[in-house]
Amino acid sequence: MAQELLIKSYLKQLRLPAMAQSYGRLAREAAEANMPYEDYLLALLELETAHRVENATKKRISRARFPYLRTLDQFDFSVIPSLSKAKVLELSRGEYVRARENVIAIGNTGTGKTHLAISLGLLACQQGWKVRFYTAAGLINELSEAQAQQHLGKLQKQLASYDLIILDEVGFIPFSPSGSQALFQFCSSRYLTGSVIITTNLEFERWTEVFGDERLTGALLDRLTHKCHILEMNGESYRFKESLRRREVIA
């Protein structure tokens, strides 16, 4: 009994909770199977490693601040014929994050752009990348507040620490000149240093409607579309079709 308490105390001090919880059970199983000491130790280490990986993934997902969780398995590609499923599955492997490339999903309202962006972001979290989700308006507000409170440098450093930033709903509302400038500076800071996923309901030629300044818009697009994957998602409303499908199931 004293030996068991001492082992648990040491494992707690070493911060090995999974081993502390399971070493006794695994020890009994090892004894029954006449398992070599090395195999028993390996089983303990594998258990602790899996526990840490799972906890780290959960923390990355929580810190990403997704508005909700969606997966690629839940996405119905048949609803959006213009969308290349092969391209999306290629992106799901996460190599674009490693290469610091961007993804821009363009399509009508309700075509599943946010669902797709969250799915890719969730996969990136599971692959070990640091991810953060923003709406475009939300990021601009946060940048503006940080500048007003003289904390902009701190926020910019925090943003630079993310491997992938998702910028949702670019184009839904026009930005003020200061907001456009803030977003331009953000995108410029990400250029070749980190990946961005952008969802937008506007074709590129209409981005001046949101940013106002034609030269600023051109410079922004130059940076965003260099090393970029474009996902065409125009089609019938994905949300509308899903709503109809749910009604049919209920009926």
C-alpha atoms as a PDB file:
ATOM      1  CA  MET A   1       0.000   0.000   0.000  1.00  0.00           C
ATOM      2  CA  ALA A   2       2.823   2.377   0.938  1.00  0.00           C
ATOM      3  CA  GLN A   3       4.601   1.524  -2.300  1.00  0.00           C
ATOM      4  CA  GLU A   4       1.443   2.253  -4.314  1.00  0.00           C
ATOM      5  CA  LEU A   5       0.995   5.639  -2.621  1.00  0.00           C
ATOM      6  CA  LEU A   6       4.646   6.491  -3.264  1.00  0.00           C
ATOM      7  CA  ILE A   7       4.363   5.583  -6.966  1.00  0.00           C
ATOM      8  CA  LYS A   8       1.227   7.720  -7.347  1.00  0.00           C
ATOM      9  CA  SER A   9       2.944  10.608  -5.555  1.00  0.00           C
ATOM     10  CA  TYR A  10       5.964  10.459  -7.875  1.00  0.00           C
ATOM     11  CA  LEU A  11       3.783  10.232 -10.978  1.00  0.00           C
ATOM     12  CA  LYS A  12       1.775  13.225  -9.777  1.00  0.00           C
ATOM     13  CA  GLN A  13       4.966  15.242  -9.183  1.00  0.00           C
ATOM     14  CA  LEU A  14       6.169  14.307 -12.662  1.00  0.00           C
ATOM     15  CA  ARG A  15       2.759  15.288 -14.080  1.00  0.00           C
ATOM     16  CA  LEU A  16       1.983  11.912 -15.609  1.00  0.00           C
ATOM     17  CA  PRO A  17      -1.764  11.612 -14.893  1.00  0.00           C
ATOM     18  CA  ALA A  18      -2.569   8.886 -17.425  1.00  0.00           C
ATOM     19  CA  MET A  19       0.207   6.681 -16.049  1.00  0.00           C
ATOM     20  CA  ALA A  20      -0.928   7.368 -12.476  1.00  0.00           C
ATOM     21  CA  GLN A  21      -4.453   6.296 -13.359  1.00  0.00           C
ATOM     22  CA  SER A  22      -3.582   3.158 -15.306  1.00  0.00           C
ATOM     23  CA  TYR A  23      -0.225   1.793 -14.102  1.00  0.00           C
ATOM     24  CA  GLY A  24      -1.864  -0.619 -11.623  1.00  0.00           C
ATOM     25  CA  ARG A  25      -4.237  -2.132 -14.165  1.00  0.00           C
ATOM     26  CA  LEU A  26      -1.483  -2.456 -16.761  1.00  0.00           C
ATOM     27  CA  ALA A  27       0.843  -3.989 -14.155  1.00  0.00           C
ATOM     28  CA  ARG A  28      -1.713  -6.709 -13.391  1.00  0.00           C
ATOM     29  CA  GLU A  29      -2.266  -7.383 -17.091  1.00  0.00           C
ATOM     30  CA  ALA A  30       1.501  -7.498 -17.660  1.00  0.00           C
ATOM     31  CA  ALA A  31       1.967  -9.977 -14.819  1.00  0.00           C
ATOM     32  CA  GLU A  32      -0.827 -12.228 -16.090  1.00  0.00           C
ATOM     33  CA  ALA A  33       0.653 -12.205 -19.594  1.00  0.00           C
ATOM     34  CA  ASN A  34       4.224 -12.598 -18.330  1.00  0.00           C
ATOM     35  CA  MET A  35       5.052  -9.409 -20.226  1.00  0.00           C
ATOM     36  CA  PRO A  36       8.697  -8.200 -20.300  1.00  0.00           C
ATOM     37  CA  TYR A  37       9.424  -5.052 -18.271  1.00  0.00           C
ATOM     38  CA  GLU A  38      10.251  -3.100 -21.430  1.00  0.00           C
ATOM     39  CA  ASP A  39       6.858  -3.910 -22.963  1.00  0.00           C
ATOM     40  CA  TYR A  40       5.077  -2.819 -19.788  1.00  0.00           C
ATOM     41  CA  LEU A  41       7.022   0.445 -19.730  1.00  0.00           C
ATOM     42  CA  LEU A  42       6.313   1.009 -23.422  1.00  0.00           C
ATOM     43  CA  ALA A  43       2.571   0.479 -22.849  1.00  0.00           C
ATOM     44  CA  LEU A  44       2.613   3.078 -20.053  1.00  0.00           C
ATOM     45  CA  LEU A  45       4.518   5.599 -22.163  1.00  0.00           C
ATOM     46  CA  GLU A  46       2.189   5.096 -25.140  1.00  0.00           C
ATOM     47  CA  LEU A  47      -0.827   5.670 -22.888  1.00  0.00           C
ATOM     48  CA  GLU A  48       0.612   8.881 -21.441  1.00  0.00           C
ATOM     49  CA  THR A  49       1.640  10.153 -24.875  1.00  0.00           C
ATOM     50  CA  ALA A  50      -1.836   9.507 -26.319  1.00  0.00           C
ATOM     51  CA  HIS A  51      -3.386  11.305 -23.339  1.00  0.00           C
ATOM     52  CA  ARG A  52      -1.167  14.349 -23.868  1.00  0.00           C
ATOM     53  CA  VAL A  53      -1.824  14.451 -27.608  1.00  0.00           C
ATOM     54  CA  GLU A  54      -5.581  14.295 -26.987  1.00  0.00           C
ATOM     55  CA  ASN A  55      -5.457  17.077 -24.385  1.00  0.00           C
ATOM     56  CA  ALA A  56      -3.263  19.269 -26.585  1.00  0.00           C
ATOM     57  CA  THR A  57      -5.692  18.842 -29.490  1.00  0.00           C
ATOM     58  CA  LYS A  58      -8.656  19.763 -27.283  1.00  0.00           C
ATOM     59  CA  LYS A  59      -6.832  22.903 -26.135  1.00  0.00           C
ATOM     60  CA  ARG A  60      -6.017  23.965 -29.699  1.00  0.00           C
ATOM     61  CA  ILE A  61      -9.660  23.491 -30.725  1.00  0.00           C
ATOM     62  CA  SER A  62     -10.877  25.492 -27.719  1.00  0.00           C
ATOM     63  CA  ARG A  63      -8.388  28.311 -28.335  1.00  0.00           C
ATOM     64  CA  ALA A  64      -9.374  28.496 -32.013  1.00  0.00           C
ATOM     65  CA  ARG A  65     -12.778  29.842 -30.912  1.00  0.00           C
ATOM     66  CA  PHE A  66     -14.829  28.254 -33.641  1.00  0.00           C
ATOM     67  CA  PRO A  67     -18.464  29.445 -33.467  1.00  0.00           C
ATOM     68  CA  TYR A  68     -19.477  25.782 -33.795  1.00  0.00           C
ATOM     69  CA  LEU A  69     -17.852  22.547 -34.942  1.00  0.00           C
ATOM     70  CA  ARG A  70     -18.352  20.982 -38.363  1.00  0.00           C
ATOM     71  CA  THR A  71     -16.471  18.184 -40.121  1.00  0.00           C
ATOM     72  CA  LEU A  72     -15.882  17.303 -43.762  1.00  0.00           C
ATOM     73  CA  ASP A  73     -17.859  14.101 -43.234  1.00  0.00           C
ATOM     74  CA  GLN A  74     -20.911  16.287 -42.609  1.00  0.00           C
ATOM     75  CA  PHE A  75     -20.445  18.269 -45.832  1.00  0.00           C
ATOM     76  CA  ASP A  76     -22.601  17.268 -48.813  1.00  0.00           C
ATOM     77  CA  PHE A  77     -20.437  17.892 -51.870  1.00  0.00           C
ATOM     78  CA  SER A  78     -23.288  16.964 -54.213  1.00  0.00           C
ATOM     79  CA  VAL A  79     -25.067  20.209 -53.307  1.00  0.00           C
ATOM     80  CA  ILE A  80     -22.210  22.337 -54.724  1.00  0.00           C
ATOM     81  CA  PRO A  81     -21.201  20.792 -58.095  1.00  0.00           C
ATOM     82  CA  SER A  82     -18.740  23.630 -58.778  1.00  0.00           C
ATOM     83  CA  LEU A  83     -16.657  22.669 -55.733  1.00  0.00           C
ATOM     84  CA  SER A  84     -13.780  20.275 -56.365  1.00  0.00           C
ATOM     85  CA  LYS A  85     -14.007  17.520 -53.756  1.00  0.00           C
ATOM     86  CA  ALA A  86     -10.529  16.330 -54.745  1.00  0.00           C
ATOM     87  CA  LYS A  87      -9.103  19.784 -54.010  1.00  0.00           C
ATOM     88  CA  VAL A  88     -10.814  19.924 -50.607  1.00  0.00           C
ATOM     89  CA  LEU A  89      -9.546  16.452 -49.684  1.00  0.00           C
ATOM     90  CA  GLU A  90      -6.059  17.539 -50.718  1.00  0.00           C
ATOM     91  CA  LEU A  91      -6.363  20.582 -48.446  1.00  0.00           C
ATOM     92  CA  SER A  92      -7.603  18.368 -45.612  1.00  0.00           C
ATOM     93  CA  ARG A  93      -4.085  16.915 -45.324  1.00  0.00           C
ATOM     94  CA  GLY A  94      -2.867  20.298 -44.091  1.00  0.00           C
ATOM     95  CA  GLU A  95       0.149  20.719 -46.362  1.00  0.00           C
ATOM     96  CA  TYR A  96      -1.065  24.198 -47.355  1.00  0.00           C
ATOM     97  CA  VAL A  97      -0.500  25.296 -43.747  1.00  0.00           C
ATOM     98  CA  ARG A  98       3.016  23.900 -43.778  1.00  0.00           C
ATOM     99  CA  ALA A  99       3.666  25.737 -47.070  1.00  0.00           C
ATOM    100  CA  ARG A 100       2.053  28.948 -45.706  1.00  0.00           C
ATOM    101  CA  GLU A 101      -0.462  29.043 -48.518  1.00  0.00           C
ATOM    102  CA  ASN A 102      -3.910  30.632 -48.432  1.00  0.00           C
ATOM    103  CA  VAL A 103      -7.397  29.325 -49.191  1.00  0.00           C
ATOM    104  CA  ILE A 104     -10.226  31.529 -50.461  1.00  0.00           C
ATOM    105  CA  ALA A 105     -13.755  30.108 -50.653  1.00  0.00           C
ATOM    106  CA  ILE A 106     -16.000  32.178 -52.940  1.00  0.00           C
ATOM    107  CA  GLY A 107     -19.729  31.592 -53.163  1.00  0.00           C
ATOM    108  CA  ASN A 108     -23.253  32.773 -52.570  1.00  0.00           C
ATOM    109  CA  THR A 109     -24.694  33.096 -49.096  1.00  0.00           C
ATOM    110  CA  GLY A 110     -25.597  29.725 -47.606  1.00  0.00           C
ATOM    111  CA  THR A 111     -23.377  27.559 -49.813  1.00  0.00           C
ATOM    112  CA  GLY A 112     -21.383  26.066 -46.920  1.00  0.00           C
ATOM    113  CA  LYS A 113     -18.290  28.281 -46.990  1.00  0.00           C
ATOM    114  CA  THR A 114     -18.133  28.677 -43.210  1.00  0.00           C
ATOM    115  CA  HIS A 115     -18.796  24.956 -42.705  1.00  0.00           C
ATOM    116  CA  LEU A 116     -15.883  24.148 -45.002  1.00  0.00           C
ATOM    117  CA  ALA A 117     -13.559  26.688 -43.368  1.00  0.00           C
ATOM    118  CA  ILE A 118     -14.333  25.353 -39.886  1.00  0.00           C
ATOM    119  CA  SER A 119     -13.827  21.765 -41.076  1.00  0.00           C
ATOM    120  CA  LEU A 120     -10.382  22.593 -42.461  1.00  0.00           C
ATOM    121  CA  GLY A 121      -9.549  24.559 -39.318  1.00  0.00           C
ATOM    122  CA  LEU A 122     -10.603  21.662 -37.098  1.00  0.00           C
ATOM    123  CA  LEU A 123      -8.424  19.266 -39.083  1.00  0.00           C
ATOM    124  CA  ALA A 124      -5.499  21.695 -38.787  1.00  0.00           C
ATOM    125  CA  CYS A 125      -5.944  21.693 -34.990  1.00  0.00           C
ATOM    126  CA  GLN A 126      -5.892  17.894 -35.003  1.00  0.00           C
ATOM    127  CA  GLN A 127      -2.720  17.973 -37.118  1.00  0.00           C
ATOM    128  CA  GLY A 128      -0.964  20.104 -34.507  1.00  0.00           C
ATOM    129  CA  TRP A 129      -1.324  23.597 -35.998  1.00  0.00           C
ATOM    130  CA  LYS A 130      -2.352  26.677 -34.003  1.00  0.00           C
ATOM    131  CA  VAL A 131      -5.602  28.058 -35.441  1.00  0.00           C
ATOM    132  CA  ARG A 132      -7.801  31.106 -34.777  1.00  0.00           C
ATOM    133  CA  PHE A 133     -11.256  31.849 -36.186  1.00  0.00           C
ATOM    134  CA  TYR A 134     -12.499  35.424 -36.761  1.00  0.00           C
ATOM    135  CA  THR A 135     -15.257  37.078 -38.682  1.00  0.00           C
ATOM    136  CA  ALA A 136     -13.802  39.892 -40.781  1.00  0.00           C
ATOM    137  CA  ALA A 137     -15.793  42.469 -38.807  1.00  0.00           C
ATOM    138  CA  GLY A 138     -14.702  40.880 -35.523  1.00  0.00           C
ATOM    139  CA  LEU A 139     -11.014  41.040 -36.414  1.00  0.00           C
ATOM    140  CA  ILE A 140     -11.284  44.655 -37.546  1.00  0.00           C
ATOM    141  CA  ASN A 141     -13.017  45.580 -34.284  1.00  0.00           C
ATOM    142  CA  GLU A 142     -10.333  43.810 -32.264  1.00  0.00           C
ATOM    143  CA  LEU A 143      -7.549  45.543 -34.202  1.00  0.00           C
ATOM    144  CA  SER A 144      -9.244  48.933 -33.793  1.00  0.00           C
ATOM    145  CA  GLU A 145      -9.757  48.448 -30.051  1.00  0.00           C
ATOM    146  CA  ALA A 146      -6.160  47.328 -29.586  1.00  0.00           C
ATOM    147  CA  GLN A 147      -4.916  50.395 -31.439  1.00  0.00           C
ATOM    148  CA  ALA A 148      -7.128  52.706 -29.367  1.00  0.00           C
ATOM    149  CA  GLN A 149      -5.831  51.122 -26.153  1.00  0.00           C
ATOM    150  CA  GLN A 150      -2.233  51.153 -27.424  1.00  0.00           C
ATOM    151  CA  HIS A 151      -2.042  47.342 -27.354  1.00  0.00           C
ATOM    152  CA  LEU A 152      -1.807  46.842 -31.113  1.00  0.00           C
ATOM    153  CA  GLY A 153       1.736  45.492 -31.020  1.00  0.00           C
ATOM    154  CA  LYS A 154       0.733  42.848 -28.474  1.00  0.00           C
ATOM    155  CA  LEU A 155      -2.243  41.747 -30.595  1.00  0.00           C
ATOM    156  CA  GLN A 156      -0.141  41.636 -33.768  1.00  0.00           C
ATOM    157  CA  LYS A 157       2.404  39.433 -32.001  1.00  0.00           C
ATOM    158  CA  GLN A 158      -0.406  37.144 -30.860  1.00  0.00           C
ATOM    159  CA  LEU A 159      -1.844  36.928 -34.386  1.00  0.00           C
ATOM    160  CA  ALA A 160       1.593  36.148 -35.793  1.00  0.00           C
ATOM    161  CA  SER A 161       1.836  33.119 -33.494  1.00  0.00           C
ATOM    162  CA  TYR A 162      -1.032  31.340 -35.289  1.00  0.00           C
ATOM    163  CA  ASP A 163      -0.212  28.962 -38.122  1.00  0.00           C
ATOM    164  CA  LEU A 164      -3.681  29.423 -39.627  1.00  0.00           C
ATOM    165  CA  ILE A 165      -6.212  32.233 -39.261  1.00  0.00           C
ATOM    166  CA  ILE A 166      -9.734  31.855 -40.625  1.00  0.00           C
ATOM    167  CA  LEU A 167     -11.342  35.103 -41.769  1.00  0.00           C
ATOM    168  CA  ASP A 168     -15.054  34.566 -42.289  1.00  0.00           C
ATOM    169  CA  GLU A 169     -17.593  36.761 -44.091  1.00  0.00           C
ATOM    170  CA  VAL A 170     -15.307  39.097 -46.032  1.00  0.00           C
ATOM    171  CA  GLY A 171     -17.637  41.177 -48.185  1.00  0.00           C
ATOM    172  CA  PHE A 172     -20.855  40.906 -46.205  1.00  0.00           C
ATOM    173  CA  ILE A 173     -20.614  44.521 -45.042  1.00  0.00           C
ATOM    174  CA  PRO A 174     -18.488  47.427 -46.354  1.00  0.00           C
ATOM    175  CA  PHE A 175     -15.541  48.459 -44.207  1.00  0.00           C
ATOM    176  CA  SER A 176     -14.644  51.959 -43.126  1.00  0.00           C
ATOM    177  CA  PRO A 177     -11.389  53.385 -44.552  1.00  0.00           C
ATOM    178  CA  SER A 178      -9.649  52.674 -41.244  1.00  0.00           C
ATOM    179  CA  GLY A 179     -11.101  49.149 -41.171  1.00  0.00           C
ATOM    180  CA  SER A 180      -9.943  48.479 -44.723  1.00  0.00           C
ATOM    181  CA  GLN A 181      -6.469  49.710 -43.837  1.00  0.00           C
ATOM    182  CA  ALA A 182      -6.366  47.506 -40.719  1.00  0.00           C
ATOM    183  CA  LEU A 183      -7.371  44.430 -42.716  1.00  0.00           C
ATOM    184  CA  PHE A 184      -4.825  45.250 -45.422  1.00  0.00           C
ATOM    185  CA  GLN A 185      -2.061  45.516 -42.823  1.00  0.00           C
ATOM    186  CA  PHE A 186      -3.139  42.222 -41.270  1.00  0.00           C
ATOM    187  CA  CYS A 187      -3.084  40.396 -44.619  1.00  0.00           C
ATOM    188  CA  SER A 188       0.265  41.979 -45.468  1.00  0.00           C
ATOM    189  CA  SER A 189       1.692  40.724 -42.171  1.00  0.00           C
ATOM    190  CA  ARG A 190       0.533  37.177 -43.010  1.00  0.00           C
ATOM    191  CA  TYR A 191       2.120  37.269 -46.469  1.00  0.00           C
ATOM    192  CA  LEU A 192       4.442  34.240 -46.725  1.00  0.00           C
ATOM    193  CA  THR A 193       4.540  33.968 -42.900  1.00  0.00           C
ATOM    194  CA  GLY A 194       1.259  32.180 -42.142  1.00  0.00           C
ATOM    195  CA  SER A 195      -1.855  30.803 -43.793  1.00  0.00           C
ATOM    196  CA  VAL A 196      -5.271  32.447 -44.067  1.00  0.00           C
ATOM    197  CA  ILE A 197      -8.606  30.894 -45.009  1.00  0.00           C
ATOM    198  CA  ILE A 198     -11.043  33.525 -46.274  1.00  0.00           C
ATOM    199  CA  THR A 199     -14.729  33.051 -47.018  1.00  0.00           C
ATOM    200  CA  THR A 200     -16.432  35.646 -49.191  1.00  0.00           C
ATOM    201  CA  ASN A 201     -19.639  36.101 -51.157  1.00  0.00           C
ATOM    202  CA  LEU A 202     -17.964  38.489 -53.612  1.00  0.00           C
ATOM    203  CA  GLU A 203     -15.957  37.772 -56.739  1.00  0.00           C
ATOM    204  CA  PHE A 204     -12.567  39.497 -56.674  1.00  0.00           C
ATOM    205  CA  GLU A 205     -13.611  42.249 -59.095  1.00  0.00           C
ATOM    206  CA  ARG A 206     -16.252  43.348 -56.569  1.00  0.00           C
ATOM    207  CA  TRP A 207     -13.925  43.647 -53.574  1.00  0.00           C
ATOM    208  CA  THR A 208     -13.614  47.385 -54.180  1.00  0.00           C
ATOM    209  CA  GLU A 209     -17.244  47.614 -53.008  1.00  0.00           C
ATOM    210  CA  VAL A 210     -16.045  46.521 -49.578  1.00  0.00           C
ATOM    211  CA  PHE A 211     -12.594  48.076 -49.344  1.00  0.00           C
ATOM    212  CA  GLY A 212     -13.384  51.258 -51.272  1.00  0.00           C
ATOM    213  CA  ASP A 213      -9.876  52.071 -52.461  1.00  0.00           C
ATOM    214  CA  GLU A 214      -9.091  50.375 -55.791  1.00  0.00           C
ATOM    215  CA  ARG A 215      -5.322  50.502 -55.371  1.00  0.00           C
ATOM    216  CA  LEU A 216      -5.531  49.129 -51.826  1.00  0.00           C
ATOM    217  CA  THR A 217      -7.829  46.329 -53.007  1.00  0.00           C
ATOM    218  CA  GLY A 218      -5.454  45.406 -55.826  1.00  0.00           C
ATOM    219  CA  ALA A 219      -2.474  45.276 -53.480  1.00  0.00           C
ATOM    220  CA  LEU A 220      -4.459  43.184 -51.004  1.00  0.00           C
ATOM    221  CA  LEU A 221      -5.495  40.666 -53.662  1.00  0.00           C
ATOM    222  CA  ASP A 222      -1.920  40.426 -54.933  1.00  0.00           C
ATOM    223  CA  ARG A 223      -0.798  39.280 -51.493  1.00  0.00           C
ATOM    224  CA  LEU A 224      -3.737  36.994 -50.790  1.00  0.00           C
ATOM    225  CA  THR A 225      -3.831  35.196 -54.135  1.00  0.00           C
ATOM    226  CA  HIS A 226      -0.085  34.542 -54.336  1.00  0.00           C
ATOM    227  CA  LYS A 227       0.284  30.864 -53.362  1.00  0.00           C
ATOM    228  CA  CYS A 228      -3.471  30.491 -52.931  1.00  0.00           C
ATOM    229  CA  HIS A 229      -6.102  27.781 -53.402  1.00  0.00           C
ATOM    230  CA  ILE A 230      -9.413  29.112 -54.783  1.00  0.00           C
ATOM    231  CA  LEU A 231     -12.582  27.167 -53.982  1.00  0.00           C
ATOM    232  CA  GLU A 232     -15.527  28.045 -56.232  1.00  0.00           C
ATOM    233  CA  MET A 233     -18.721  27.433 -54.261  1.00  0.00           C
ATOM    234  CA  ASN A 234     -21.462  29.142 -56.238  1.00  0.00           C
ATOM    235  CA  GLY A 235     -24.678  27.182 -56.365  1.00  0.00           C
ATOM    236  CA  GLU A 236     -27.997  26.812 -54.636  1.00  0.00           C
ATOM    237  CA  SER A 237     -28.102  27.593 -50.933  1.00  0.00           C
ATOM    238  CA  TYR A 238     -26.537  24.707 -49.018  1.00  0.00           C
ATOM    239  CA  ARG A 239     -28.389  25.715 -45.853  1.00  0.00           C
ATOM    240  CA  PHE A 240     -31.722  25.842 -47.720  1.00  0.00           C
ATOM    241  CA  LYS A 241     -31.262  22.327 -49.119  1.00  0.00           C
ATOM    242  CA  GLU A 242     -30.198  21.004 -45.718  1.00  0.00           C
ATOM    243  CA  SER A 243     -33.304  22.593 -44.184  1.00  0.00           C
ATOM    244  CA  LEU A 244     -35.534  20.908 -46.778  1.00  0.00           C
ATOM    245  CA  ARG A 245     -33.804  17.585 -46.165  1.00  0.00           C
ATOM    246  CA  ARG A 246     -34.365  17.821 -42.406  1.00  0.00           C
ATOM    247  CA  ARG A 247     -38.045  18.598 -42.981  1.00  0.00           C
ATOM    248  CA  GLU A 248     -38.369  15.505 -45.178  1.00  0.00           C
ATOM    249  CA  VAL A 249     -36.770  13.363 -42.480  1.00  0.00           C
ATOM    250  CA  ILE A 250     -39.113  14.780 -39.837  1.00  0.00           C
ATOM    251  CA  ALA A 251     -42.119  14.204 -42.087  1.00  0.00           C
END
